[in-house]
Amino acid sequence: MQEIAIVATRRWLESAVLGLNLCPFARVPHREGRIRICASAATDVDALLSDLQQELERLAEAPTSQLETTLLVLTGMLSDFLDFNDFLEAADALLQALDLDGVLQIAPFHPQFRFGDAPADDVANATNRSPWPTLHLLREDSIEAAVASVNDPDAIYERNIARLR
């Protein structure tokens, strides 16, 4: 199951995220092999938090030249978006407990992702939809550098929605 999820996530990254240019910042790290895609088969919150902690620590300790970002694909639990969304509080609490808040951040992707009060079929939701529940672990300094490198970073989201329509 884990290998299937990793392959599906890699295809999504290459065809949607990179292929549609939804995240222009991912192209170079992908080309250089600095995006880690791994899977957690955890079936309970404690085990998932343990796997998440391991990946957060790995990313924080690795030099950016070797590892830019991590996609942690969840194969054993949180297939329901509301449960996944609830788990994000525990994930953020772990980030703070590890004293990594402000160093790393966690971006959620899910097959049923839905922004706030947006209708389920709103195309805007597709910008955060992935084949499997996924926690994207990012470096804050990389985000800041990427945002500083474009003229209007807020336009990326609007452009993505227009592209998906």
N, C-alpha and C. Protein backbone atom coordinates (compact mmCIF):
# COMPACT_ATOMS: atom_id res chain seq x y z
N MET A 1 0.82 -1.20 0.00
CA MET A 1 0.00 0.00 0.00
C MET A 1 0.87 1.26 0.00
N GLN A 2 1.94 1.23 0.81
CA GLN A 2 2.77 2.43 0.90
C GLN A 2 3.42 2.76 -0.43
N GLU A 3 3.94 1.75 -1.12
CA GLU A 3 4.60 2.02 -2.40
C GLU A 3 3.60 2.55 -3.43
N ILE A 4 2.38 2.01 -3.42
CA ILE A 4 1.34 2.50 -4.33
C ILE A 4 1.06 3.97 -4.05
N ALA A 5 0.97 4.33 -2.79
CA ALA A 5 0.70 5.72 -2.41
C ALA A 5 1.85 6.65 -2.79
N ILE A 6 3.07 6.18 -2.62
CA ILE A 6 4.23 6.99 -2.98
C ILE A 6 4.28 7.22 -4.49
N VAL A 7 4.04 6.16 -5.26
CA VAL A 7 4.04 6.29 -6.72
C VAL A 7 2.94 7.24 -7.17
N ALA A 8 1.74 7.09 -6.61
CA ALA A 8 0.63 7.98 -6.97
C ALA A 8 0.94 9.43 -6.61
N THR A 9 1.57 9.63 -5.47
CA THR A 9 1.92 10.99 -5.04
C THR A 9 3.00 11.57 -5.95
N ARG A 10 3.97 10.77 -6.33
CA ARG A 10 5.01 11.25 -7.25
C ARG A 10 4.39 11.65 -8.60
N ARG A 11 3.46 10.84 -9.09
CA ARG A 11 2.78 11.17 -10.36
C ARG A 11 1.99 12.47 -10.23
N TRP A 12 1.30 12.64 -9.11
CA TRP A 12 0.54 13.87 -8.85
C TRP A 12 1.49 15.06 -8.81
N LEU A 13 2.60 14.92 -8.11
CA LEU A 13 3.59 15.99 -8.04
C LEU A 13 4.05 16.37 -9.44
N GLU A 14 4.38 15.38 -10.24
CA GLU A 14 4.93 15.65 -11.57
C GLU A 14 3.88 16.14 -12.56
N SER A 15 2.67 15.57 -12.52
CA SER A 15 1.66 15.95 -13.51
C SER A 15 0.85 17.17 -13.11
N ALA A 16 0.48 17.27 -11.86
CA ALA A 16 -0.37 18.39 -11.43
C ALA A 16 0.46 19.55 -10.87
N VAL A 17 1.20 19.29 -9.81
CA VAL A 17 1.93 20.37 -9.14
C VAL A 17 2.96 21.00 -10.08
N LEU A 18 3.77 20.16 -10.73
CA LEU A 18 4.77 20.67 -11.65
C LEU A 18 4.20 20.85 -13.06
N GLY A 19 3.45 19.86 -13.52
CA GLY A 19 2.91 19.90 -14.89
C GLY A 19 2.00 21.08 -15.15
N LEU A 20 1.20 21.44 -14.16
CA LEU A 20 0.31 22.61 -14.29
C LEU A 20 0.94 23.86 -13.69
N ASN A 21 2.16 23.73 -13.20
CA ASN A 21 2.90 24.84 -12.59
C ASN A 21 2.13 25.45 -11.41
N LEU A 22 1.49 24.58 -10.61
CA LEU A 22 0.74 25.07 -9.45
C LEU A 22 1.67 25.60 -8.37
N CYS A 23 2.86 25.04 -8.30
CA CYS A 23 3.86 25.53 -7.35
C CYS A 23 5.17 25.73 -8.09
N PRO A 24 5.41 26.95 -8.56
CA PRO A 24 6.63 27.20 -9.33
C PRO A 24 7.90 26.98 -8.53
N PHE A 25 7.79 26.96 -7.20
CA PHE A 25 8.96 26.81 -6.35
C PHE A 25 9.43 25.36 -6.24
N ALA A 26 8.61 24.41 -6.68
CA ALA A 26 8.94 22.99 -6.53
C ALA A 26 9.82 22.44 -7.65
N ARG A 27 9.88 23.14 -8.75
CA ARG A 27 10.58 22.62 -9.93
C ARG A 27 12.06 22.32 -9.67
N VAL A 28 12.79 23.27 -9.13
CA VAL A 28 14.23 23.08 -8.91
C VAL A 28 14.50 21.98 -7.88
N PRO A 29 13.86 22.01 -6.70
CA PRO A 29 14.12 20.92 -5.75
C PRO A 29 13.77 19.54 -6.33
N HIS A 30 12.72 19.47 -7.14
CA HIS A 30 12.36 18.19 -7.75
C HIS A 30 13.45 17.74 -8.72
N ARG A 31 13.87 18.64 -9.58
CA ARG A 31 14.91 18.32 -10.56
C ARG A 31 16.20 17.87 -9.87
N GLU A 32 16.49 18.47 -8.72
CA GLU A 32 17.73 18.16 -7.99
C GLU A 32 17.57 17.00 -7.00
N GLY A 33 16.38 16.39 -6.95
CA GLY A 33 16.16 15.24 -6.07
C GLY A 33 16.11 15.60 -4.59
N ARG A 34 15.64 16.82 -4.28
CA ARG A 34 15.61 17.27 -2.88
C ARG A 34 14.20 17.28 -2.29
N ILE A 35 13.28 16.55 -2.92
CA ILE A 35 11.93 16.38 -2.37
C ILE A 35 11.81 14.93 -1.93
N ARG A 36 11.59 14.74 -0.65
CA ARG A 36 11.42 13.39 -0.09
C ARG A 36 9.94 13.06 -0.07
N ILE A 37 9.59 11.91 -0.62
CA ILE A 37 8.22 11.39 -0.54
C ILE A 37 8.30 10.09 0.24
N CYS A 38 7.60 10.06 1.37
CA CYS A 38 7.60 8.87 2.22
C CYS A 38 6.17 8.63 2.70
N ALA A 39 5.93 7.45 3.23
CA ALA A 39 4.58 7.10 3.66
C ALA A 39 4.57 6.62 5.10
N SER A 40 3.48 6.90 5.76
CA SER A 40 3.22 6.40 7.11
C SER A 40 2.03 5.46 7.04
N ALA A 41 2.21 4.25 7.56
CA ALA A 41 1.11 3.29 7.64
C ALA A 41 0.45 3.32 9.00
N ALA A 42 0.74 4.35 9.80
CA ALA A 42 0.18 4.46 11.15
C ALA A 42 -1.34 4.37 11.10
N THR A 43 -1.89 3.71 12.13
CA THR A 43 -3.35 3.57 12.21
C THR A 43 -3.91 4.21 13.47
N ASP A 44 -3.05 4.87 14.24
CA ASP A 44 -3.53 5.63 15.40
C ASP A 44 -2.73 6.92 15.51
N VAL A 45 -3.28 7.87 16.22
CA VAL A 45 -2.71 9.21 16.30
C VAL A 45 -1.30 9.19 16.87
N ASP A 46 -1.07 8.42 17.94
CA ASP A 46 0.26 8.39 18.55
C ASP A 46 1.32 7.89 17.57
N ALA A 47 1.01 6.84 16.83
CA ALA A 47 1.97 6.31 15.85
C ALA A 47 2.20 7.31 14.72
N LEU A 48 1.14 7.98 14.30
CA LEU A 48 1.30 8.98 13.24
C LEU A 48 2.13 10.16 13.72
N LEU A 49 1.89 10.60 14.95
CA LEU A 49 2.69 11.70 15.50
C LEU A 49 4.16 11.29 15.61
N SER A 50 4.42 10.04 15.92
CA SER A 50 5.80 9.54 15.99
C SER A 50 6.45 9.59 14.60
N ASP A 51 5.72 9.13 13.59
CA ASP A 51 6.24 9.19 12.22
C ASP A 51 6.46 10.63 11.78
N LEU A 52 5.51 11.50 12.11
CA LEU A 52 5.63 12.91 11.76
C LEU A 52 6.83 13.53 12.45
N GLN A 53 7.02 13.21 13.72
CA GLN A 53 8.17 13.75 14.45
C GLN A 53 9.48 13.33 13.78
N GLN A 54 9.56 12.09 13.41
CA GLN A 54 10.76 11.58 12.75
C GLN A 54 11.04 12.37 11.46
N GLU A 55 10.00 12.64 10.69
CA GLU A 55 10.20 13.36 9.42
C GLU A 55 10.50 14.84 9.65
N LEU A 56 9.86 15.44 10.65
CA LEU A 56 10.16 16.84 10.97
C LEU A 56 11.62 16.98 11.40
N GLU A 57 12.07 16.08 12.26
CA GLU A 57 13.46 16.14 12.73
C GLU A 57 14.44 15.87 11.59
N ARG A 58 14.11 14.93 10.72
CA ARG A 58 14.98 14.64 9.57
C ARG A 58 15.13 15.89 8.70
N LEU A 59 14.01 16.55 8.41
CA LEU A 59 14.06 17.75 7.56
C LEU A 59 14.82 18.87 8.24
N ALA A 60 14.56 19.08 9.53
CA ALA A 60 15.23 20.16 10.26
C ALA A 60 16.74 19.96 10.34
N GLU A 61 17.16 18.71 10.43
CA GLU A 61 18.59 18.41 10.59
C GLU A 61 19.35 18.33 9.27
N ALA A 62 18.65 18.05 8.18
CA ALA A 62 19.32 17.88 6.89
C ALA A 62 19.65 19.24 6.27
N PRO A 63 20.78 19.34 5.61
CA PRO A 63 21.07 20.59 4.90
C PRO A 63 20.11 20.76 3.72
N THR A 64 19.74 21.99 3.45
CA THR A 64 18.83 22.29 2.35
C THR A 64 19.39 21.78 1.03
N SER A 65 20.68 21.75 0.91
CA SER A 65 21.31 21.28 -0.33
C SER A 65 21.03 19.80 -0.59
N GLN A 66 20.63 19.07 0.45
CA GLN A 66 20.31 17.65 0.30
C GLN A 66 18.81 17.37 0.37
N LEU A 67 18.10 18.12 1.20
CA LEU A 67 16.67 17.89 1.40
C LEU A 67 15.96 19.22 1.58
N GLU A 68 15.10 19.55 0.63
CA GLU A 68 14.38 20.82 0.66
C GLU A 68 13.04 20.71 1.37
N THR A 69 12.33 19.62 1.11
CA THR A 69 10.96 19.49 1.60
C THR A 69 10.57 18.01 1.64
N THR A 70 9.52 17.71 2.40
CA THR A 70 9.07 16.32 2.54
C THR A 70 7.56 16.24 2.35
N LEU A 71 7.13 15.23 1.62
CA LEU A 71 5.71 14.89 1.51
C LEU A 71 5.51 13.59 2.29
N LEU A 72 4.80 13.68 3.41
CA LEU A 72 4.49 12.51 4.23
C LEU A 72 3.08 12.05 3.88
N VAL A 73 2.99 10.92 3.20
CA VAL A 73 1.73 10.39 2.69
C VAL A 73 1.15 9.44 3.74
N LEU A 74 -0.12 9.64 4.07
CA LEU A 74 -0.77 8.85 5.13
C LEU A 74 -1.61 7.75 4.50
N THR A 75 -1.21 6.50 4.72
CA THR A 75 -1.93 5.38 4.09
C THR A 75 -2.81 4.60 5.06
N GLY A 76 -2.62 4.80 6.36
CA GLY A 76 -3.33 3.97 7.32
C GLY A 76 -4.50 4.64 8.02
N MET A 77 -4.65 5.94 7.85
CA MET A 77 -5.71 6.65 8.57
C MET A 77 -5.95 8.02 7.95
N LEU A 78 -6.97 8.69 8.46
CA LEU A 78 -7.35 10.06 8.10
C LEU A 78 -7.81 10.20 6.66
N SER A 79 -8.46 9.17 6.14
CA SER A 79 -9.04 9.26 4.80
C SER A 79 -10.23 10.21 4.78
N ASP A 80 -10.86 10.43 5.93
CA ASP A 80 -11.95 11.40 6.04
C ASP A 80 -11.35 12.79 6.24
N PHE A 81 -11.76 13.75 5.42
CA PHE A 81 -11.15 15.08 5.47
C PHE A 81 -11.36 15.77 6.81
N LEU A 82 -12.52 15.63 7.42
CA LEU A 82 -12.75 16.30 8.70
C LEU A 82 -11.83 15.74 9.79
N ASP A 83 -11.62 14.42 9.79
CA ASP A 83 -10.68 13.82 10.74
C ASP A 83 -9.26 14.32 10.46
N PHE A 84 -8.90 14.38 9.19
CA PHE A 84 -7.58 14.88 8.78
C PHE A 84 -7.40 16.32 9.25
N ASN A 85 -8.41 17.12 9.02
CA ASN A 85 -8.36 18.53 9.41
C ASN A 85 -8.21 18.67 10.93
N ASP A 86 -8.92 17.83 11.68
CA ASP A 86 -8.79 17.85 13.15
C ASP A 86 -7.37 17.46 13.57
N PHE A 87 -6.76 16.52 12.87
CA PHE A 87 -5.41 16.08 13.21
C PHE A 87 -4.38 17.21 13.05
N LEU A 88 -4.66 18.15 12.19
CA LEU A 88 -3.70 19.24 11.95
C LEU A 88 -3.38 20.02 13.22
N GLU A 89 -4.33 20.09 14.16
CA GLU A 89 -4.06 20.75 15.44
C GLU A 89 -2.97 20.00 16.21
N ALA A 90 -3.06 18.68 16.23
CA ALA A 90 -2.04 17.87 16.91
C ALA A 90 -0.69 18.00 16.19
N ALA A 91 -0.72 18.07 14.87
CA ALA A 91 0.51 18.22 14.10
C ALA A 91 1.17 19.56 14.42
N ASP A 92 0.38 20.62 14.47
CA ASP A 92 0.92 21.94 14.82
C ASP A 92 1.44 21.97 16.25
N ALA A 93 0.75 21.29 17.16
CA ALA A 93 1.21 21.22 18.55
C ALA A 93 2.56 20.49 18.63
N LEU A 94 2.73 19.45 17.82
CA LEU A 94 4.00 18.73 17.77
C LEU A 94 5.11 19.65 17.26
N LEU A 95 4.81 20.41 16.24
CA LEU A 95 5.78 21.36 15.69
C LEU A 95 6.26 22.32 16.77
N GLN A 96 5.32 22.80 17.58
CA GLN A 96 5.67 23.71 18.68
C GLN A 96 6.45 22.98 19.77
N ALA A 97 6.04 21.77 20.12
CA ALA A 97 6.72 21.01 21.16
C ALA A 97 8.17 20.70 20.78
N LEU A 98 8.42 20.54 19.49
CA LEU A 98 9.78 20.27 19.01
C LEU A 98 10.58 21.56 18.83
N ASP A 99 9.95 22.69 19.14
CA ASP A 99 10.57 24.01 18.98
C ASP A 99 10.95 24.25 17.51
N LEU A 100 10.10 23.78 16.61
CA LEU A 100 10.33 23.96 15.18
C LEU A 100 9.32 24.92 14.55
N ASP A 101 8.43 25.48 15.37
CA ASP A 101 7.50 26.49 14.87
C ASP A 101 8.32 27.70 14.45
N GLY A 102 8.12 28.17 13.23
CA GLY A 102 8.93 29.26 12.71
C GLY A 102 10.13 28.76 11.93
N VAL A 103 10.44 27.48 12.06
CA VAL A 103 11.53 26.85 11.30
C VAL A 103 10.93 26.02 10.16
N LEU A 104 9.91 25.23 10.53
CA LEU A 104 9.20 24.40 9.56
C LEU A 104 7.71 24.72 9.64
N GLN A 105 6.99 24.37 8.60
CA GLN A 105 5.53 24.45 8.65
C GLN A 105 4.96 23.24 7.93
N ILE A 106 3.69 22.99 8.21
CA ILE A 106 3.01 21.83 7.64
C ILE A 106 1.84 22.33 6.80
N ALA A 107 1.85 21.94 5.52
CA ALA A 107 0.77 22.30 4.61
C ALA A 107 -0.05 21.04 4.32
N PRO A 108 -1.37 21.13 4.45
CA PRO A 108 -2.21 19.94 4.24
C PRO A 108 -2.67 19.76 2.79
N PHE A 109 -2.66 18.51 2.35
CA PHE A 109 -3.23 18.11 1.06
C PHE A 109 -4.06 16.86 1.31
N HIS A 110 -5.21 16.77 0.65
CA HIS A 110 -6.12 15.66 0.91
C HIS A 110 -7.02 15.46 -0.31
N PRO A 111 -7.42 14.22 -0.61
CA PRO A 111 -8.31 13.99 -1.76
C PRO A 111 -9.65 14.71 -1.65
N GLN A 112 -10.12 14.97 -0.43
CA GLN A 112 -11.40 15.64 -0.22
C GLN A 112 -11.23 17.08 0.26
N PHE A 113 -10.03 17.65 0.08
CA PHE A 113 -9.74 18.98 0.62
C PHE A 113 -10.84 19.97 0.24
N ARG A 114 -11.17 20.81 1.22
CA ARG A 114 -12.22 21.82 1.01
C ARG A 114 -11.87 23.05 1.83
N PHE A 115 -11.81 24.20 1.16
CA PHE A 115 -11.56 25.47 1.84
C PHE A 115 -12.81 25.93 2.56
N GLY A 116 -12.70 26.19 3.86
CA GLY A 116 -13.76 26.80 4.65
C GLY A 116 -15.16 26.46 4.21
N ASP A 117 -15.88 27.48 3.76
CA ASP A 117 -17.27 27.31 3.36
C ASP A 117 -17.43 27.09 1.86
N ALA A 118 -16.35 26.78 1.16
CA ALA A 118 -16.43 26.56 -0.29
C ALA A 118 -17.26 25.32 -0.58
N PRO A 119 -18.04 25.36 -1.65
CA PRO A 119 -18.77 24.15 -2.05
C PRO A 119 -17.78 23.02 -2.37
N ALA A 120 -18.19 21.79 -2.16
CA ALA A 120 -17.30 20.65 -2.38
C ALA A 120 -16.76 20.60 -3.80
N ASP A 121 -17.55 21.08 -4.77
CA ASP A 121 -17.12 21.02 -6.17
C ASP A 121 -16.42 22.29 -6.65
N ASP A 122 -16.12 23.21 -5.74
CA ASP A 122 -15.42 24.45 -6.12
C ASP A 122 -14.02 24.09 -6.60
N VAL A 123 -13.65 24.58 -7.77
CA VAL A 123 -12.36 24.26 -8.37
C VAL A 123 -11.20 24.73 -7.49
N ALA A 124 -11.40 25.73 -6.67
CA ALA A 124 -10.34 26.22 -5.78
C ALA A 124 -9.84 25.11 -4.86
N ASN A 125 -10.73 24.19 -4.49
CA ASN A 125 -10.33 23.08 -3.62
C ASN A 125 -9.26 22.20 -4.26
N ALA A 126 -9.27 22.13 -5.58
CA ALA A 126 -8.33 21.26 -6.29
C ALA A 126 -6.88 21.66 -6.07
N THR A 127 -6.63 22.91 -5.71
CA THR A 127 -5.25 23.34 -5.49
C THR A 127 -4.62 22.63 -4.29
N ASN A 128 -5.43 22.09 -3.39
CA ASN A 128 -4.91 21.39 -2.21
C ASN A 128 -5.36 19.93 -2.17
N ARG A 129 -5.76 19.41 -3.31
CA ARG A 129 -6.16 18.00 -3.36
C ARG A 129 -5.01 17.15 -3.87
N SER A 130 -4.86 16.01 -3.25
CA SER A 130 -3.81 15.06 -3.58
C SER A 130 -4.43 13.67 -3.62
N PRO A 131 -3.72 12.70 -4.19
CA PRO A 131 -4.31 11.36 -4.27
C PRO A 131 -4.48 10.67 -2.91
N TRP A 132 -3.67 11.05 -1.93
CA TRP A 132 -3.72 10.48 -0.58
C TRP A 132 -3.63 11.62 0.43
N PRO A 133 -4.13 11.43 1.65
CA PRO A 133 -3.90 12.44 2.68
C PRO A 133 -2.38 12.65 2.82
N THR A 134 -1.96 13.90 2.78
CA THR A 134 -0.53 14.20 2.74
C THR A 134 -0.21 15.42 3.59
N LEU A 135 0.86 15.31 4.35
CA LEU A 135 1.39 16.44 5.11
C LEU A 135 2.66 16.90 4.41
N HIS A 136 2.63 18.13 3.92
CA HIS A 136 3.79 18.70 3.23
C HIS A 136 4.60 19.48 4.25
N LEU A 137 5.80 19.03 4.52
CA LEU A 137 6.68 19.66 5.50
C LEU A 137 7.62 20.60 4.75
N LEU A 138 7.56 21.88 5.12
CA LEU A 138 8.32 22.91 4.41
C LEU A 138 9.20 23.69 5.35
N ARG A 139 10.29 24.19 4.82
CA ARG A 139 11.18 25.07 5.57
C ARG A 139 10.68 26.51 5.44
N GLU A 140 10.54 27.18 6.58
CA GLU A 140 10.07 28.58 6.58
C GLU A 140 11.00 29.47 5.77
N ASP A 141 12.32 29.31 5.93
CA ASP A 141 13.25 30.19 5.21
C ASP A 141 13.17 29.96 3.70
N SER A 142 12.88 28.75 3.27
CA SER A 142 12.72 28.47 1.85
C SER A 142 11.45 29.13 1.30
N ILE A 143 10.40 29.11 2.12
CA ILE A 143 9.16 29.77 1.71
C ILE A 143 9.40 31.27 1.56
N GLU A 144 10.06 31.86 2.54
CA GLU A 144 10.34 33.30 2.49
C GLU A 144 11.18 33.65 1.27
N ALA A 145 12.20 32.86 0.98
CA ALA A 145 13.05 33.12 -0.18
C ALA A 145 12.27 32.96 -1.48
N ALA A 146 11.41 31.95 -1.55
CA ALA A 146 10.62 31.74 -2.76
C ALA A 146 9.64 32.88 -2.98
N VAL A 147 8.98 33.31 -1.93
CA VAL A 147 8.02 34.42 -2.03
C VAL A 147 8.73 35.70 -2.44
N ALA A 148 9.92 35.92 -1.91
CA ALA A 148 10.68 37.13 -2.25
C ALA A 148 11.16 37.12 -3.70
N SER A 149 11.21 35.93 -4.30
CA SER A 149 11.74 35.83 -5.66
C SER A 149 10.71 36.11 -6.75
N VAL A 150 9.45 36.29 -6.38
CA VAL A 150 8.41 36.59 -7.38
C VAL A 150 7.80 37.95 -7.10
N ASN A 151 7.34 38.59 -8.18
CA ASN A 151 6.80 39.94 -8.06
C ASN A 151 5.52 39.99 -7.24
N ASP A 152 4.60 39.09 -7.50
CA ASP A 152 3.30 39.12 -6.83
C ASP A 152 2.93 37.71 -6.37
N PRO A 153 3.47 37.28 -5.22
CA PRO A 153 3.22 35.90 -4.79
C PRO A 153 1.74 35.60 -4.55
N ASP A 154 0.96 36.60 -4.17
CA ASP A 154 -0.47 36.36 -3.94
C ASP A 154 -1.19 36.00 -5.23
N ALA A 155 -0.63 36.39 -6.36
CA ALA A 155 -1.26 36.10 -7.65
C ALA A 155 -1.15 34.62 -8.02
N ILE A 156 -0.23 33.90 -7.39
CA ILE A 156 -0.05 32.48 -7.71
C ILE A 156 -1.34 31.71 -7.44
N TYR A 157 -1.95 31.94 -6.29
CA TYR A 157 -3.19 31.24 -5.93
C TYR A 157 -4.29 31.55 -6.95
N GLU A 158 -4.46 32.82 -7.29
CA GLU A 158 -5.50 33.21 -8.25
C GLU A 158 -5.22 32.61 -9.63
N ARG A 159 -3.95 32.62 -10.03
CA ARG A 159 -3.58 32.04 -11.32
C ARG A 159 -3.87 30.54 -11.33
N ASN A 160 -3.59 29.86 -10.21
CA ASN A 160 -3.86 28.42 -10.13
C ASN A 160 -5.34 28.12 -10.30
N ILE A 161 -6.18 28.90 -9.66
CA ILE A 161 -7.62 28.69 -9.78
C ILE A 161 -8.06 28.91 -11.22
N ALA A 162 -7.56 29.98 -11.83
CA ALA A 162 -7.90 30.25 -13.24
C ALA A 162 -7.42 29.12 -14.14
N ARG A 163 -6.23 28.61 -13.89
CA ARG A 163 -5.67 27.52 -14.69
C ARG A 163 -6.53 26.25 -14.56
N LEU A 164 -7.03 25.98 -13.37
CA LEU A 164 -7.83 24.78 -13.14
C LEU A 164 -9.24 24.89 -13.70
N ARG A 165 -9.70 26.11 -13.88
CA ARG A 165 -11.04 26.29 -14.46
C ARG A 165 -10.98 25.98 -15.92
